[in-house]
Each structure stands twice: as C-alpha cells, then as structure tokens.
C-alpha cells in the first residue's frame, strides 16, 4: 500500500489532496505546523497527523524520525506547504524579511524536507517527489496576456515558484533513483488568494493526484497541470 506524506495538509490543496488519496485507498500522513488544526484535519480524513514546520531544521528532522518509527518508509513526498507573501502595491515596500519569509517556506522548506525524507523514500520500490509549484513561476505564462498569470503582481511568490521549478529539474537530474516532478494546480480558490481562484480545490488537485498515482515507469523532470505537461520556460 502506498504511503504518502504531505506538508501543509491541514487545509486547502494539501487537505483536498489528502482526502482524495485516502479515498483511493492510500495511507496518508498529514503534515502540518499547527497541532490543533493538524490533528483535527487528520481525524476528519482518516489520516495520521505528523507535526512539521518546514522552516525549522529540528521540526523537519523530528517529523522524519516520527515516520521512520511508525511507518518505516514513504513512497511519495508531496511538498505542498507554501505562502504567498506581499502582492500588488508598491514594490519599493518589499523588504529582505519579506523575501526570507516567502523563500524560507516555498524553496528552502522544500530543500530541508526533501533532504530529511530521502532515506525514507529510498526504502520504497517506487519513490516519488512532487513539488507543488505554480504557473505563476513560469516566464512564458506570466508574459502571455491571454493567461491570468500575466495579470498578477506577486513578486516574491512568483520568484519563489520559479526557483522551485528549477529545483525540481535539478532534483530530477541528480536523483536518478527517484521520480521528481512539479505540479501546477492552476488558479484555485484557496486561502492563499482569498478564494478568488476560478477553479475548485478539487480541480486544483488534479495534477497532484495524477502524479502521485501514475505508477512505475512514468517520467521524471516534468511540470504538469490538469490540462497536461507544461514547457519548462
């Protein structure tokens, strides 16, 4: 049976991904920073809650040790935890602290979590890493006037997701024994955007669920949306 660990899964895309994967019969470990919210979500879904704050080394290492003690391995790591940061307004107001906060979760948190969970992934017969990125990090999509991505000003979020998609390609090249891909949920109504997205949270998890369940032999190093593969640009 497939064991799947999801960060930031007490709400939004992570929560819906967990719900759908449990419905498909998989074992889901629900990672969340807030214990009360994490335990509540896990109980409601039938998952096991694992405390994790992706911005803290000790917390991430403790989460990996927790899983090592209880399950002994994971088959799929879904790096879903993310923050938006400042949007619109005067870019002159951006601070280094703003940048550190966004990149600390969206990029460094992924590196920290991936490194800690690699030994558990390597105990799987078909290890998979899925990084939840965004079309907002695509140079092509954010310059296409026909795309909604081109009409949003969110400098730190977009830059962090561009970095994450590049990290995904590098992991895919460097981790030959693990399938590593990125998912673009699309413009989905979640807390991250004040529920302004035009997609439902279920539609927003289509690509994530597809990557988590596609099975051995699928390709690594892809950027996938619910409509299909996205060019790396």
C-alpha atoms as a PDB file:
ATOM      1  CA  UNK A   1       0.000   0.000   0.000  1.00  0.00           C
ATOM      2  CA  UNK A   2       1.334   3.443  -0.927  1.00  0.00           C
ATOM      3  CA  UNK A   3       2.383   5.700   1.966  1.00  0.00           C
ATOM      4  CA  UNK A   4       2.188   9.405   1.150  1.00  0.00           C
ATOM      5  CA  UNK A   5       3.476  12.324   3.227  1.00  0.00           C
ATOM      6  CA  UNK A   6       2.005  15.769   2.507  1.00  0.00           C
ATOM      7  CA  UNK A   7       3.252  19.022   4.022  1.00  0.00           C
ATOM      8  CA  UNK A   8       0.848  21.862   4.768  1.00  0.00           C
ATOM      9  CA  UNK A   9      -2.088  19.492   4.564  1.00  0.00           C
ATOM     10  CA  UNK A  10      -4.466  20.805   7.220  1.00  0.00           C
ATOM     11  CA  UNK A  11      -6.296  22.992   4.659  1.00  0.00           C
ATOM     12  CA  UNK A  12      -6.519  23.994   1.014  1.00  0.00           C
ATOM     13  CA  UNK A  13      -4.798  21.991  -1.688  1.00  0.00           C
ATOM     14  CA  UNK A  14      -2.950  19.778   0.780  1.00  0.00           C
ATOM     15  CA  UNK A  15      -6.128  18.854   2.622  1.00  0.00           C
ATOM     16  CA  UNK A  16      -8.029  18.063  -0.571  1.00  0.00           C
ATOM     17  CA  UNK A  17      -5.092  16.058  -1.925  1.00  0.00           C
ATOM     18  CA  UNK A  18      -5.084  14.038   1.297  1.00  0.00           C
ATOM     19  CA  UNK A  19      -8.836  13.470   1.098  1.00  0.00           C
ATOM     20  CA  UNK A  20      -8.694  12.243  -2.476  1.00  0.00           C
ATOM     21  CA  UNK A  21      -5.708   9.953  -1.946  1.00  0.00           C
ATOM     22  CA  UNK A  22      -7.287   8.398   1.151  1.00  0.00           C
ATOM     23  CA  UNK A  23     -10.457   7.858  -0.860  1.00  0.00           C
ATOM     24  CA  UNK A  24      -8.335   5.979  -3.396  1.00  0.00           C
ATOM     25  CA  UNK A  25      -7.070   3.667  -0.653  1.00  0.00           C
ATOM     26  CA  UNK A  26      -3.648   5.140   0.102  1.00  0.00           C
ATOM     27  CA  UNK A  27      -2.121   5.753   3.522  1.00  0.00           C
ATOM     28  CA  UNK A  28      -1.701   9.485   4.064  1.00  0.00           C
ATOM     29  CA  UNK A  29       0.498  11.157   6.651  1.00  0.00           C
ATOM     30  CA  UNK A  30      -0.818  14.669   7.142  1.00  0.00           C
ATOM     31  CA  UNK A  31       1.945  17.145   7.900  1.00  0.00           C
ATOM     32  CA  UNK A  32       1.037  20.497   9.426  1.00  0.00           C
ATOM     33  CA  UNK A  33       2.652  23.106  11.656  1.00  0.00           C
ATOM     34  CA  UNK A  34      -0.365  23.806  13.861  1.00  0.00           C
ATOM     35  CA  UNK A  35      -1.021  20.782  16.074  1.00  0.00           C
ATOM     36  CA  UNK A  36      -4.676  21.504  16.813  1.00  0.00           C
ATOM     37  CA  UNK A  37      -5.566  22.099  13.169  1.00  0.00           C
ATOM     38  CA  UNK A  38      -3.445  19.201  12.007  1.00  0.00           C
ATOM     39  CA  UNK A  39      -4.968  16.715  14.419  1.00  0.00           C
ATOM     40  CA  UNK A  40      -8.482  17.925  13.608  1.00  0.00           C
ATOM     41  CA  UNK A  41      -7.926  17.551   9.862  1.00  0.00           C
ATOM     42  CA  UNK A  42      -6.260  14.153  10.210  1.00  0.00           C
ATOM     43  CA  UNK A  43      -9.069  12.807  12.384  1.00  0.00           C
ATOM     44  CA  UNK A  44     -11.725  14.023   9.951  1.00  0.00           C
ATOM     45  CA  UNK A  45      -9.958  12.496   6.950  1.00  0.00           C
ATOM     46  CA  UNK A  46      -8.667   9.256   8.458  1.00  0.00           C
ATOM     47  CA  UNK A  47      -5.017  10.246   8.125  1.00  0.00           C
ATOM     48  CA  UNK A  48      -2.208  10.229  10.681  1.00  0.00           C
ATOM     49  CA  UNK A  49      -1.025  13.638  11.819  1.00  0.00           C
ATOM     50  CA  UNK A  50       2.704  14.347  11.866  1.00  0.00           C
ATOM     51  CA  UNK A  51       3.872  17.718  13.254  1.00  0.00           C
ATOM     52  CA  UNK A  52       6.177  19.580  10.873  1.00  0.00           C
ATOM     53  CA  UNK A  53       7.278  23.172  10.411  1.00  0.00           C
ATOM     54  CA  UNK A  54       9.244  23.249   7.153  1.00  0.00           C
ATOM     55  CA  UNK A  55      11.095  26.397   8.255  1.00  0.00           C
ATOM     56  CA  UNK A  56      12.797  24.665  11.185  1.00  0.00           C
ATOM     57  CA  UNK A  57      15.520  22.017  10.876  1.00  0.00           C
ATOM     58  CA  UNK A  58      14.669  20.382  14.202  1.00  0.00           C
ATOM     59  CA  UNK A  59      10.971  20.099  13.358  1.00  0.00           C
ATOM     60  CA  UNK A  60      11.626  18.542   9.940  1.00  0.00           C
ATOM     61  CA  UNK A  61      14.147  16.073  11.341  1.00  0.00           C
ATOM     62  CA  UNK A  62      11.685  15.144  14.108  1.00  0.00           C
ATOM     63  CA  UNK A  63       8.960  14.561  11.508  1.00  0.00           C
ATOM     64  CA  UNK A  64      11.208  12.242   9.506  1.00  0.00           C
ATOM     65  CA  UNK A  65      12.149  10.370  12.685  1.00  0.00           C
ATOM     66  CA  UNK A  66       8.456  10.076  13.577  1.00  0.00           C
ATOM     67  CA  UNK A  67       7.695   8.456  10.222  1.00  0.00           C
ATOM     68  CA  UNK A  68      10.757   6.215  10.476  1.00  0.00           C
ATOM     69  CA  UNK A  69       9.495   4.890  13.814  1.00  0.00           C
ATOM     70  CA  UNK A  70       5.884   4.345  12.739  1.00  0.00           C
ATOM     71  CA  UNK A  71       5.811   3.522   9.007  1.00  0.00           C
ATOM     72  CA  UNK A  72       9.478   2.913   8.245  1.00  0.00           C
ATOM     73  CA  UNK A  73       9.270   4.443   4.766  1.00  0.00           C
ATOM     74  CA  UNK A  74       7.292   6.703   2.481  1.00  0.00           C
ATOM     75  CA  UNK A  75       6.557   6.145  -1.198  1.00  0.00           C
ATOM     76  CA  UNK A  76       5.514   9.677  -2.110  1.00  0.00           C
ATOM     77  CA  UNK A  77       6.589  13.041  -0.684  1.00  0.00           C
ATOM     78  CA  UNK A  78       4.331  15.944  -1.636  1.00  0.00           C
ATOM     79  CA  UNK A  79       5.989  19.279  -0.864  1.00  0.00           C
ATOM     80  CA  UNK A  80       2.808  21.321  -0.672  1.00  0.00           C
ATOM     81  CA  UNK A  81       3.392  23.834   2.150  1.00  0.00           C
ATOM     82  CA  UNK A  82       3.565  27.346   0.768  1.00  0.00           C
ATOM     83  CA  UNK A  83       2.964  31.020   1.495  1.00  0.00           C
ATOM     84  CA  UNK A  84       2.046  33.886  -0.813  1.00  0.00           C
ATOM     85  CA  UNK A  85       3.705  36.957   0.631  1.00  0.00           C
ATOM     86  CA  UNK A  86       3.073  40.555  -0.470  1.00  0.00           C
ATOM     87  CA  UNK A  87       1.048  41.141  -3.631  1.00  0.00           C
ATOM     88  CA  UNK A  88       0.443  44.277  -5.678  1.00  0.00           C
ATOM     89  CA  UNK A  89       1.097  47.643  -4.130  1.00  0.00           C
ATOM     90  CA  UNK A  90       4.382  49.493  -4.226  1.00  0.00           C
ATOM     91  CA  UNK A  91       7.333  47.196  -4.859  1.00  0.00           C
ATOM     92  CA  UNK A  92       9.527  49.700  -3.046  1.00  0.00           C
ATOM     93  CA  UNK A  93       7.897  48.495   0.173  1.00  0.00           C
ATOM     94  CA  UNK A  94       9.328  44.985  -0.174  1.00  0.00           C
ATOM     95  CA  UNK A  95      11.868  44.052   2.479  1.00  0.00           C
ATOM     96  CA  UNK A  96      14.525  41.433   2.891  1.00  0.00           C
ATOM     97  CA  UNK A  97      12.459  39.969   5.723  1.00  0.00           C
ATOM     98  CA  UNK A  98       9.511  39.569   3.325  1.00  0.00           C
ATOM     99  CA  UNK A  99      11.728  37.694   0.889  1.00  0.00           C
ATOM    100  CA  UNK A 100      13.219  35.446   3.559  1.00  0.00           C
ATOM    101  CA  UNK A 101       9.748  34.548   4.827  1.00  0.00           C
ATOM    102  CA  UNK A 102       8.451  33.506   1.390  1.00  0.00           C
ATOM    103  CA  UNK A 103      11.574  31.755   0.149  1.00  0.00           C
ATOM    104  CA  UNK A 104      12.009  30.164   3.570  1.00  0.00           C
ATOM    105  CA  UNK A 105       8.822  28.150   3.071  1.00  0.00           C
ATOM    106  CA  UNK A 106       8.455  27.830  -0.700  1.00  0.00           C
ATOM    107  CA  UNK A 107      12.044  26.958  -1.582  1.00  0.00           C
ATOM    108  CA  UNK A 108      14.244  26.360   1.445  1.00  0.00           C
ATOM    109  CA  UNK A 109      11.458  24.434   3.175  1.00  0.00           C
ATOM    110  CA  UNK A 110      11.287  22.079   0.202  1.00  0.00           C
ATOM    111  CA  UNK A 111      15.049  21.522   0.266  1.00  0.00           C
ATOM    112  CA  UNK A 112      15.015  20.929   4.016  1.00  0.00           C
ATOM    113  CA  UNK A 113      12.092  18.475   3.861  1.00  0.00           C
ATOM    114  CA  UNK A 114      13.364  16.626   0.813  1.00  0.00           C
ATOM    115  CA  UNK A 115      16.788  16.081   2.348  1.00  0.00           C
ATOM    116  CA  UNK A 116      15.321  14.790   5.604  1.00  0.00           C
ATOM    117  CA  UNK A 117      12.930  12.376   3.892  1.00  0.00           C
ATOM    118  CA  UNK A 118      15.269  10.982   1.227  1.00  0.00           C
ATOM    119  CA  UNK A 119      16.317   7.981   3.391  1.00  0.00           C
ATOM    120  CA  UNK A 120      12.631   7.085   3.885  1.00  0.00           C
ATOM    121  CA  UNK A 121      11.907   7.462   0.161  1.00  0.00           C
ATOM    122  CA  UNK A 122      14.809   5.186  -0.726  1.00  0.00           C
ATOM    123  CA  UNK A 123      13.153   2.365   1.215  1.00  0.00           C
ATOM    124  CA  UNK A 124      10.316   2.448  -1.343  1.00  0.00           C
ATOM    125  CA  UNK A 125      10.161   0.339  -4.502  1.00  0.00           C
ATOM    126  CA  UNK A 126       8.889   3.357  -6.457  1.00  0.00           C
ATOM    127  CA  UNK A 127       9.848   6.608  -4.715  1.00  0.00           C
ATOM    128  CA  UNK A 128       8.236   9.844  -5.876  1.00  0.00           C
ATOM    129  CA  UNK A 129       8.644  13.529  -5.007  1.00  0.00           C
ATOM    130  CA  UNK A 130       6.005  16.058  -6.087  1.00  0.00           C
ATOM    131  CA  UNK A 131       6.702  19.756  -5.648  1.00  0.00           C
ATOM    132  CA  UNK A 132       3.563  21.877  -5.708  1.00  0.00           C
ATOM    133  CA  UNK A 133       4.697  24.814  -7.813  1.00  0.00           C
ATOM    134  CA  UNK A 134       2.671  27.267  -9.891  1.00  0.00           C
ATOM    135  CA  UNK A 135       2.285  28.631 -13.392  1.00  0.00           C
ATOM    136  CA  UNK A 136       2.995  31.932 -11.657  1.00  0.00           C
ATOM    137  CA  UNK A 137       6.637  30.871 -11.705  1.00  0.00           C
ATOM    138  CA  UNK A 138       6.685  30.374 -15.479  1.00  0.00           C
ATOM    139  CA  UNK A 139       8.311  33.130 -17.547  1.00  0.00           C
ATOM    140  CA  UNK A 140       6.223  32.152 -20.551  1.00  0.00           C
ATOM    141  CA  UNK A 141       2.855  32.110 -18.777  1.00  0.00           C
ATOM    142  CA  UNK A 142       3.427  35.336 -16.851  1.00  0.00           C
ATOM    143  CA  UNK A 143       4.252  37.098 -20.143  1.00  0.00           C
ATOM    144  CA  UNK A 144       1.236  35.754 -22.031  1.00  0.00           C
ATOM    145  CA  UNK A 145      -1.551  38.402 -21.968  1.00  0.00           C
ATOM    146  CA  UNK A 146      -4.159  35.696 -22.515  1.00  0.00           C
ATOM    147  CA  UNK A 147      -3.201  33.937 -19.274  1.00  0.00           C
ATOM    148  CA  UNK A 148      -4.382  35.006 -15.790  1.00  0.00           C
ATOM    149  CA  UNK A 149      -0.808  34.563 -14.542  1.00  0.00           C
ATOM    150  CA  UNK A 150       0.198  37.670 -16.528  1.00  0.00           C
ATOM    151  CA  UNK A 151      -2.220  39.919 -14.661  1.00  0.00           C
ATOM    152  CA  UNK A 152      -0.966  39.347 -11.123  1.00  0.00           C
ATOM    153  CA  UNK A 153       1.815  41.197  -9.325  1.00  0.00           C
ATOM    154  CA  UNK A 154       3.211  38.962  -6.601  1.00  0.00           C
ATOM    155  CA  UNK A 155       6.990  39.325  -6.892  1.00  0.00           C
ATOM    156  CA  UNK A 156       8.151  37.050  -4.106  1.00  0.00           C
ATOM    157  CA  UNK A 157       5.612  34.290  -4.709  1.00  0.00           C
ATOM    158  CA  UNK A 158       6.341  34.189  -8.450  1.00  0.00           C
ATOM    159  CA  UNK A 159      10.106  34.287  -7.929  1.00  0.00           C
ATOM    160  CA  UNK A 160       9.951  31.534  -5.318  1.00  0.00           C
ATOM    161  CA  UNK A 161       7.893  29.293  -7.589  1.00  0.00           C
ATOM    162  CA  UNK A 162      10.297  29.916 -10.470  1.00  0.00           C
ATOM    163  CA  UNK A 163      13.086  28.801  -8.143  1.00  0.00           C
ATOM    164  CA  UNK A 164      11.084  25.748  -7.107  1.00  0.00           C
ATOM    165  CA  UNK A 165      10.500  24.627 -10.684  1.00  0.00           C
ATOM    166  CA  UNK A 166      14.232  24.930 -11.347  1.00  0.00           C
ATOM    167  CA  UNK A 167      14.961  22.973  -8.163  1.00  0.00           C
ATOM    168  CA  UNK A 168      12.619  20.284  -9.460  1.00  0.00           C
ATOM    169  CA  UNK A 169      14.587  19.892 -12.691  1.00  0.00           C
ATOM    170  CA  UNK A 170      17.836  19.728 -10.739  1.00  0.00           C
ATOM    171  CA  UNK A 171      16.492  17.094  -8.353  1.00  0.00           C
ATOM    172  CA  UNK A 172      15.189  15.097 -11.313  1.00  0.00           C
ATOM    173  CA  UNK A 173      18.637  15.146 -12.910  1.00  0.00           C
ATOM    174  CA  UNK A 174      20.525  14.437  -9.714  1.00  0.00           C
ATOM    175  CA  UNK A 175      18.266  11.872  -8.026  1.00  0.00           C
ATOM    176  CA  UNK A 176      18.300   9.132 -10.631  1.00  0.00           C
ATOM    177  CA  UNK A 177      16.587   6.657  -8.309  1.00  0.00           C
ATOM    178  CA  UNK A 178      13.592   8.906  -7.527  1.00  0.00           C
ATOM    179  CA  UNK A 179      10.887  10.315  -9.802  1.00  0.00           C
ATOM    180  CA  UNK A 180      10.701  14.083  -9.230  1.00  0.00           C
ATOM    181  CA  UNK A 181       8.046  16.285 -10.825  1.00  0.00           C
ATOM    182  CA  UNK A 182       6.308  19.610 -10.244  1.00  0.00           C
ATOM    183  CA  UNK A 183       2.573  20.261 -10.275  1.00  0.00           C
ATOM    184  CA  UNK A 184       0.792  23.459 -11.273  1.00  0.00           C
ATOM    185  CA  UNK A 185      -2.602  23.498  -9.534  1.00  0.00           C
ATOM    186  CA  UNK A 186      -3.831  26.459 -11.591  1.00  0.00           C
ATOM    187  CA  UNK A 187      -5.773  29.434 -10.256  1.00  0.00           C
ATOM    188  CA  UNK A 188      -7.633  27.676  -7.475  1.00  0.00           C
ATOM    189  CA  UNK A 189      -9.839  29.190  -4.776  1.00  0.00           C
ATOM    190  CA  UNK A 190      -7.872  28.819  -1.531  1.00  0.00           C
ATOM    191  CA  UNK A 191      -6.884  30.926   1.474  1.00  0.00           C
ATOM    192  CA  UNK A 192      -3.661  31.752  -0.384  1.00  0.00           C
ATOM    193  CA  UNK A 193      -5.532  34.027  -2.818  1.00  0.00           C
ATOM    194  CA  UNK A 194      -8.530  34.989  -0.701  1.00  0.00           C
ATOM    195  CA  UNK A 195     -10.601  32.338  -2.508  1.00  0.00           C
ATOM    196  CA  UNK A 196     -10.508  34.395  -5.704  1.00  0.00           C
ATOM    197  CA  UNK A 197      -9.470  31.494  -7.954  1.00  0.00           C
ATOM    198  CA  UNK A 198     -11.898  30.229 -10.583  1.00  0.00           C
ATOM    199  CA  UNK A 199     -11.084  26.545 -10.039  1.00  0.00           C
ATOM    200  CA  UNK A 200     -12.454  24.421  -7.219  1.00  0.00           C
ATOM    201  CA  UNK A 201      -9.979  22.923  -4.796  1.00  0.00           C
ATOM    202  CA  UNK A 202     -10.736  19.511  -6.297  1.00  0.00           C
ATOM    203  CA  UNK A 203      -9.831  20.746  -9.777  1.00  0.00           C
ATOM    204  CA  UNK A 204      -6.711  22.300  -8.311  1.00  0.00           C
ATOM    205  CA  UNK A 205      -5.507  18.952  -7.008  1.00  0.00           C
ATOM    206  CA  UNK A 206      -5.990  17.021 -10.253  1.00  0.00           C
ATOM    207  CA  UNK A 207      -2.342  17.292 -11.316  1.00  0.00           C
ATOM    208  CA  UNK A 208      -1.025  16.463  -7.844  1.00  0.00           C
ATOM    209  CA  UNK A 209      -3.192  13.371  -7.503  1.00  0.00           C
ATOM    210  CA  UNK A 210      -2.325  12.245 -11.037  1.00  0.00           C
ATOM    211  CA  UNK A 211       1.410  12.487 -10.332  1.00  0.00           C
ATOM    212  CA  UNK A 212       1.020  10.681  -7.006  1.00  0.00           C
ATOM    213  CA  UNK A 213      -0.836   7.744  -8.532  1.00  0.00           C
ATOM    214  CA  UNK A 214       0.662   7.257 -12.002  1.00  0.00           C
ATOM    215  CA  UNK A 215       2.820   4.304 -11.005  1.00  0.00           C
ATOM    216  CA  UNK A 216       6.256   2.952 -12.008  1.00  0.00           C
ATOM    217  CA  UNK A 217       7.739   3.826 -15.371  1.00  0.00           C
ATOM    218  CA  UNK A 218       6.433   7.386 -15.579  1.00  0.00           C
ATOM    219  CA  UNK A 219       8.887  10.113 -16.500  1.00  0.00           C
ATOM    220  CA  UNK A 220      10.786  12.382 -14.142  1.00  0.00           C
ATOM    221  CA  UNK A 221      11.527  16.084 -14.544  1.00  0.00           C
ATOM    222  CA  UNK A 222       8.099  17.253 -15.697  1.00  0.00           C
ATOM    223  CA  UNK A 223       5.916  20.269 -14.919  1.00  0.00           C
ATOM    224  CA  UNK A 224       2.295  19.124 -15.045  1.00  0.00           C
ATOM    225  CA  UNK A 225      -1.081  20.873 -14.858  1.00  0.00           C
ATOM    226  CA  UNK A 226      -4.559  19.359 -15.030  1.00  0.00           C
ATOM    227  CA  UNK A 227      -4.503  20.067 -18.790  1.00  0.00           C
ATOM    228  CA  UNK A 228      -1.215  18.232 -19.334  1.00  0.00           C
ATOM    229  CA  UNK A 229       2.506  18.889 -19.411  1.00  0.00           C
ATOM    230  CA  UNK A 230       3.834  22.470 -19.293  1.00  0.00           C
ATOM    231  CA  UNK A 231       7.009  23.515 -21.082  1.00  0.00           C
ATOM    232  CA  UNK A 232       9.915  24.448 -18.804  1.00  0.00           C
ATOM    233  CA  UNK A 233      10.121  28.159 -19.596  1.00  0.00           C
END
